[in-house]
Amino acid sequence: MVADRRAGRGPYVGGGYLPRSRTMKGRWAKKRSDTGKKRENGCFIATACYGTNSNEVEIFRRWRDNKLSKNKFGNKFINLYYKTSPPIAKFISNKPNLKRMIQIGLYPIKEMVKNQ
């Protein structure tokens, strides 16, 4: 299902709506994780590879917000990514050669989604 943003609800997942809040740049982001801790905007691996304010991270965030979050499969992918990517991002954060390899791997995906 598509998110009901007027009511402040995110996508319908697992029998209920995920809480969402509008960020300053107009993106939708989870308010809190299941543990109650405040969540980042979610592009963990791209942020670890490119840096917080990079154009590449913004491309992936726009793709997530404008395309992936609009359908059931996309929401399932986002939820899986939120669960699995933080430890991966932490692992690669201090490994420059691995970061570069991942950047090379993400390049075709970035080029494919940047104009969507």
C-alpha atoms as a PDB file:
ATOM      1  CA  MET A   1       0.000   0.000   0.000  1.00  0.00           C
ATOM      2  CA  VAL A   2       1.047   3.576  -0.536  1.00  0.00           C
ATOM      3  CA  ALA A   3       1.816   5.622   2.548  1.00  0.00           C
ATOM      4  CA  ASP A   4      -0.867   7.941   3.871  1.00  0.00           C
ATOM      5  CA  ARG A   5       1.372  10.958   4.377  1.00  0.00           C
ATOM      6  CA  ARG A   6      -1.463  13.365   5.208  1.00  0.00           C
ATOM      7  CA  ALA A   7      -2.173  11.353   8.324  1.00  0.00           C
ATOM      8  CA  GLY A   8       1.534  11.196   9.192  1.00  0.00           C
ATOM      9  CA  ARG A   9       1.714   7.474   8.555  1.00  0.00           C
ATOM     10  CA  GLY A  10       4.305   5.617   6.579  1.00  0.00           C
ATOM     11  CA  PRO A  11       3.834   2.463   4.532  1.00  0.00           C
ATOM     12  CA  TYR A  12       1.594  -0.360   5.669  1.00  0.00           C
ATOM     13  CA  VAL A  13       3.855  -3.195   6.843  1.00  0.00           C
ATOM     14  CA  GLY A  14       3.131  -6.299   8.895  1.00  0.00           C
ATOM     15  CA  GLY A  15      -0.427  -5.406   9.846  1.00  0.00           C
ATOM     16  CA  GLY A  16       0.170  -1.749  10.674  1.00  0.00           C
ATOM     17  CA  TYR A  17       1.532   1.558   9.494  1.00  0.00           C
ATOM     18  CA  LEU A  18       5.136   2.473  10.212  1.00  0.00           C
ATOM     19  CA  PRO A  19       5.511   5.846  11.930  1.00  0.00           C
ATOM     20  CA  ARG A  20       7.062   8.451   9.668  1.00  0.00           C
ATOM     21  CA  SER A  21       8.027  12.065  10.034  1.00  0.00           C
ATOM     22  CA  ARG A  22       8.927  14.658   7.447  1.00  0.00           C
ATOM     23  CA  THR A  23      12.567  15.668   7.508  1.00  0.00           C
ATOM     24  CA  MET A  24      13.793  19.186   6.756  1.00  0.00           C
ATOM     25  CA  LYS A  25      14.580  18.340   3.120  1.00  0.00           C
ATOM     26  CA  GLY A  26      11.137  16.845   2.487  1.00  0.00           C
ATOM     27  CA  ARG A  27      12.158  13.199   2.767  1.00  0.00           C
ATOM     28  CA  TRP A  28      10.258  10.669   4.809  1.00  0.00           C
ATOM     29  CA  ALA A  29      12.210   8.844   7.491  1.00  0.00           C
ATOM     30  CA  LYS A  30      11.421   6.525  10.357  1.00  0.00           C
ATOM     31  CA  LYS A  31      11.114   8.384  13.633  1.00  0.00           C
ATOM     32  CA  ARG A  32      12.482   5.628  15.821  1.00  0.00           C
ATOM     33  CA  SER A  33      13.704   2.092  15.391  1.00  0.00           C
ATOM     34  CA  ASP A  34      12.191  -0.898  17.179  1.00  0.00           C
ATOM     35  CA  THR A  35      14.602  -0.282  20.058  1.00  0.00           C
ATOM     36  CA  GLY A  36      13.327   3.268  20.550  1.00  0.00           C
ATOM     37  CA  LYS A  37      16.567   4.886  19.396  1.00  0.00           C
ATOM     38  CA  LYS A  38      16.407   7.695  16.880  1.00  0.00           C
ATOM     39  CA  ARG A  39      17.142   6.523  13.344  1.00  0.00           C
ATOM     40  CA  GLU A  40      19.216   8.092  10.610  1.00  0.00           C
ATOM     41  CA  ASN A  41      17.824   8.520   7.103  1.00  0.00           C
ATOM     42  CA  GLY A  42      18.825   4.976   6.290  1.00  0.00           C
ATOM     43  CA  CYS A  43      21.360   5.030   3.430  1.00  0.00           C
ATOM     44  CA  PHE A  44      23.930   3.361   5.628  1.00  0.00           C
ATOM     45  CA  ILE A  45      26.205   1.683   3.091  1.00  0.00           C
ATOM     46  CA  ALA A  46      26.196   4.594   0.620  1.00  0.00           C
ATOM     47  CA  THR A  47      26.926   7.006   3.486  1.00  0.00           C
ATOM     48  CA  ALA A  48      29.826   4.832   4.674  1.00  0.00           C
ATOM     49  CA  CYS A  49      31.250   4.750   1.122  1.00  0.00           C
ATOM     50  CA  TYR A  50      30.612   8.282  -0.129  1.00  0.00           C
ATOM     51  CA  GLY A  51      30.153  10.452   2.977  1.00  0.00           C
ATOM     52  CA  THR A  52      27.104  12.016   4.577  1.00  0.00           C
ATOM     53  CA  ASN A  53      26.451  14.950   2.254  1.00  0.00           C
ATOM     54  CA  SER A  54      27.470  13.419  -1.070  1.00  0.00           C
ATOM     55  CA  ASN A  55      25.418  13.612  -4.253  1.00  0.00           C
ATOM     56  CA  GLU A  56      25.473   9.811  -4.502  1.00  0.00           C
ATOM     57  CA  VAL A  57      23.784   9.419  -1.119  1.00  0.00           C
ATOM     58  CA  GLU A  58      21.121  11.951  -2.137  1.00  0.00           C
ATOM     59  CA  ILE A  59      20.468   9.988  -5.348  1.00  0.00           C
ATOM     60  CA  PHE A  60      19.898   6.788  -3.369  1.00  0.00           C
ATOM     61  CA  ARG A  61      17.696   8.575  -0.813  1.00  0.00           C
ATOM     62  CA  ARG A  62      15.539  10.110  -3.551  1.00  0.00           C
ATOM     63  CA  TRP A  63      15.193   6.699  -5.208  1.00  0.00           C
ATOM     64  CA  ARG A  64      14.187   5.148  -1.891  1.00  0.00           C
ATOM     65  CA  ASP A  65      11.672   7.890  -1.113  1.00  0.00           C
ATOM     66  CA  ASN A  66      10.217   8.373  -4.603  1.00  0.00           C
ATOM     67  CA  LYS A  67      10.246   4.830  -6.002  1.00  0.00           C
ATOM     68  CA  LEU A  68      10.972   2.061  -3.519  1.00  0.00           C
ATOM     69  CA  SER A  69       8.643   3.259  -0.774  1.00  0.00           C
ATOM     70  CA  LYS A  70       5.691   3.367  -3.208  1.00  0.00           C
ATOM     71  CA  ASN A  71       5.165  -0.396  -3.457  1.00  0.00           C
ATOM     72  CA  LYS A  72       5.003  -3.483  -1.280  1.00  0.00           C
ATOM     73  CA  PHE A  73       8.217  -5.070  -2.590  1.00  0.00           C
ATOM     74  CA  GLY A  74      10.102  -1.802  -2.172  1.00  0.00           C
ATOM     75  CA  ASN A  75       8.954  -1.467   1.437  1.00  0.00           C
ATOM     76  CA  LYS A  76      10.024  -5.031   2.191  1.00  0.00           C
ATOM     77  CA  PHE A  77      13.427  -4.291   0.657  1.00  0.00           C
ATOM     78  CA  ILE A  78      13.749  -1.087   2.707  1.00  0.00           C
ATOM     79  CA  ASN A  79      12.884  -2.911   5.935  1.00  0.00           C
ATOM     80  CA  LEU A  80      15.379  -5.691   5.176  1.00  0.00           C
ATOM     81  CA  TYR A  81      18.022  -3.101   4.311  1.00  0.00           C
ATOM     82  CA  TYR A  82      17.431  -1.222   7.596  1.00  0.00           C
ATOM     83  CA  LYS A  83      17.946  -4.466   9.514  1.00  0.00           C
ATOM     84  CA  THR A  84      21.028  -5.740   7.686  1.00  0.00           C
ATOM     85  CA  SER A  85      23.015  -2.737   6.474  1.00  0.00           C
ATOM     86  CA  PRO A  86      24.147  -0.953   9.701  1.00  0.00           C
ATOM     87  CA  PRO A  87      26.684  -3.657  10.656  1.00  0.00           C
ATOM     88  CA  ILE A  88      27.904  -3.808   7.042  1.00  0.00           C
ATOM     89  CA  ALA A  89      28.364  -0.024   6.972  1.00  0.00           C
ATOM     90  CA  LYS A  90      30.219  -0.146  10.274  1.00  0.00           C
ATOM     91  CA  PHE A  91      32.496  -2.890   8.952  1.00  0.00           C
ATOM     92  CA  ILE A  92      33.431  -1.011   5.772  1.00  0.00           C
ATOM     93  CA  SER A  93      33.688   2.452   7.347  1.00  0.00           C
ATOM     94  CA  ASN A  94      37.421   2.173   8.079  1.00  0.00           C
ATOM     95  CA  LYS A  95      38.429   0.092   5.039  1.00  0.00           C
ATOM     96  CA  PRO A  96      39.229   2.426   2.105  1.00  0.00           C
ATOM     97  CA  ASN A  97      39.890  -0.358  -0.416  1.00  0.00           C
ATOM     98  CA  LEU A  98      36.591  -2.060   0.378  1.00  0.00           C
ATOM     99  CA  LYS A  99      34.779   1.300   0.168  1.00  0.00           C
ATOM    100  CA  ARG A 100      36.195   1.824  -3.312  1.00  0.00           C
ATOM    101  CA  MET A 101      35.122  -1.666  -4.408  1.00  0.00           C
ATOM    102  CA  ILE A 102      31.586  -1.019  -3.168  1.00  0.00           C
ATOM    103  CA  GLN A 103      31.531   2.375  -4.904  1.00  0.00           C
ATOM    104  CA  ILE A 104      32.430   0.614  -8.154  1.00  0.00           C
ATOM    105  CA  GLY A 105      29.645  -1.905  -7.536  1.00  0.00           C
ATOM    106  CA  LEU A 106      27.108   0.823  -6.731  1.00  0.00           C
ATOM    107  CA  TYR A 107      28.014   2.929  -9.790  1.00  0.00           C
ATOM    108  CA  PRO A 108      25.748   1.131 -12.314  1.00  0.00           C
ATOM    109  CA  ILE A 109      22.856   1.159  -9.844  1.00  0.00           C
ATOM    110  CA  LYS A 110      23.380   4.861  -9.178  1.00  0.00           C
ATOM    111  CA  GLU A 111      23.440   5.622 -12.902  1.00  0.00           C
ATOM    112  CA  MET A 112      20.279   3.579 -13.447  1.00  0.00           C
ATOM    113  CA  VAL A 113      18.261   5.272 -10.693  1.00  0.00           C
ATOM    114  CA  LYS A 114      19.557   8.843 -10.743  1.00  0.00           C
ATOM    115  CA  ASN A 115      16.967  10.085 -13.261  1.00  0.00           C
ATOM    116  CA  GLN A 116      14.005   8.115 -11.970  1.00  0.00           C
END
